Amino acid sequence: MVGPGSRQRSPGLSEAWPTVVPMLDIEDRVGLLEMRVDKLATWAGPGQNEALSASLAHTRAELAKIRRTQDTHTSQLTQLKADVAGLKTDMTEVKAAIQEILRRLPPAA
């Protein structure tokens, strides 16, 4: 009760808008963060969307070039493996022929 001579206090700024936020438990804090992330907005300046689009197109083109190169290398490697297998067979035949030639040579004097 306000008596004579006492001053009635008007609400101060901190009473009208509390400056100290009450501490929340972890579940409440996580819930608030989930709501904020759900409506997360990104702010891009002028031209950033176009720059990102051009960068993605360039990256896709480079990736396609890498895939073509890898396909070429894969086919070359397959051919190389076949060639090596053929050479191994040929060398086996050469070794057998050399052994036969050495067997037919007269003994050393």
Protein backbone atom coordinates (compact mmCIF):
# COMPACT_ATOMS: atom_id res chain seq x y z
CA MET A 1 0.00 0.00 0.00
CA VAL A 2 1.19 3.39 -0.91
CA GLY A 3 1.18 5.80 1.95
CA PRO A 4 1.51 9.56 2.09
CA GLY A 5 4.94 10.74 1.25
CA SER A 6 5.98 7.43 -0.34
CA ARG A 7 6.80 7.42 -3.94
CA GLN A 8 5.24 4.93 -6.26
CA ARG A 9 7.88 3.33 -8.35
CA SER A 10 7.25 3.09 -12.05
CA PRO A 11 8.39 -0.13 -13.66
CA GLY A 12 11.94 0.16 -14.86
CA LEU A 13 13.25 -1.08 -18.16
CA SER A 14 14.59 -4.29 -16.65
CA GLU A 15 11.24 -5.02 -15.03
CA ALA A 16 9.31 -4.46 -18.25
CA TRP A 17 11.76 -6.55 -20.28
CA PRO A 18 13.84 -8.89 -18.22
CA THR A 19 17.48 -8.80 -19.18
CA VAL A 20 18.39 -12.03 -17.44
CA VAL A 21 17.10 -15.09 -19.22
CA PRO A 22 16.14 -17.87 -16.86
CA MET A 23 18.26 -21.01 -17.20
CA LEU A 24 16.60 -23.78 -19.14
CA ASP A 25 17.23 -27.46 -18.75
CA ILE A 26 18.99 -29.31 -21.55
CA GLU A 27 15.80 -30.75 -23.07
CA ASP A 28 14.31 -27.27 -23.44
CA ARG A 29 17.53 -25.89 -24.91
CA VAL A 30 17.79 -28.73 -27.44
CA GLY A 31 14.11 -28.31 -28.33
CA LEU A 32 14.62 -24.62 -29.00
CA LEU A 33 17.68 -25.34 -31.13
CA GLU A 34 15.75 -27.96 -33.10
CA MET A 35 13.04 -25.42 -33.85
CA ARG A 36 15.62 -22.87 -34.96
CA VAL A 37 17.46 -25.37 -37.18
CA ASP A 38 14.16 -26.51 -38.68
CA LYS A 39 13.63 -23.00 -40.00
CA LEU A 40 17.28 -22.25 -40.68
CA ALA A 41 17.62 -19.67 -43.40
CA THR A 42 20.72 -18.90 -45.32
CA TRP A 43 21.39 -15.38 -46.42
CA ALA A 44 23.23 -15.01 -49.66
CA GLY A 45 24.32 -11.78 -51.21
CA PRO A 46 23.64 -10.77 -54.78
CA GLY A 47 25.11 -13.18 -57.30
CA GLN A 48 26.03 -15.89 -54.80
CA ASN A 49 23.36 -18.29 -56.03
CA GLU A 50 24.56 -17.87 -59.62
CA ALA A 51 28.19 -18.31 -58.54
CA LEU A 52 27.31 -21.49 -56.66
CA SER A 53 25.36 -22.80 -59.64
CA ALA A 54 28.26 -22.08 -62.00
CA SER A 55 30.70 -23.71 -59.58
CA LEU A 56 28.54 -26.84 -59.34
CA ALA A 57 28.25 -27.03 -63.14
CA HIS A 58 32.03 -26.71 -63.44
CA THR A 59 32.56 -29.39 -60.78
CA ARG A 60 30.15 -31.74 -62.57
CA ALA A 61 31.96 -31.17 -65.88
CA GLU A 62 35.33 -31.88 -64.24
CA LEU A 63 33.92 -35.02 -62.62
CA ALA A 64 32.61 -36.22 -66.00
CA LYS A 65 36.08 -35.66 -67.48
CA ILE A 66 37.65 -37.64 -64.64
CA ARG A 67 35.18 -40.49 -65.20
CA ARG A 68 35.98 -40.59 -68.93
CA THR A 69 39.70 -40.67 -68.14
CA GLN A 70 39.18 -43.43 -65.60
CA ASP A 71 37.15 -45.46 -68.12
CA THR A 72 39.96 -45.05 -70.68
CA HIS A 73 42.56 -46.12 -68.14
CA THR A 74 40.45 -49.12 -67.11
CA SER A 75 40.22 -50.34 -70.70
CA GLN A 76 43.95 -49.75 -71.24
CA LEU A 77 44.76 -51.66 -68.06
CA THR A 78 42.57 -54.56 -69.18
CA GLN A 79 44.43 -54.67 -72.51
CA LEU A 80 47.77 -54.43 -70.74
CA LYS A 81 46.89 -57.39 -68.49
CA ALA A 82 45.99 -59.44 -71.56
CA ASP A 83 49.27 -58.45 -73.23
CA VAL A 84 51.29 -59.40 -70.15
CA ALA A 85 49.55 -62.77 -69.96
CA GLY A 86 50.45 -63.35 -73.63
CA LEU A 87 54.06 -62.37 -73.00
CA LYS A 88 54.30 -64.75 -70.07
CA THR A 89 53.09 -67.57 -72.28
CA ASP A 90 55.54 -66.57 -75.01
CA MET A 91 58.43 -66.50 -72.53
CA THR A 92 57.55 -69.97 -71.31
CA GLU A 93 57.75 -71.17 -74.91
CA VAL A 94 61.07 -69.33 -75.44
CA LYS A 95 62.55 -70.90 -72.30
CA ALA A 96 61.47 -74.34 -73.47
CA ALA A 97 62.99 -73.71 -76.94
CA ILE A 98 66.29 -72.51 -75.42
CA GLN A 99 66.46 -75.59 -73.19
CA GLU A 100 65.89 -77.80 -76.24
CA ILE A 101 68.63 -75.97 -78.18
CA LEU A 102 71.06 -76.28 -75.28
CA ARG A 103 70.23 -79.99 -74.95
CA ARG A 104 71.05 -80.57 -78.64
CA LEU A 105 74.40 -78.76 -78.51
CA PRO A 106 77.44 -80.98 -78.39
CA PRO A 107 79.09 -81.17 -74.99
CA ALA A 108 81.76 -78.61 -74.26
CA ALA A 109 85.29 -79.81 -75.02
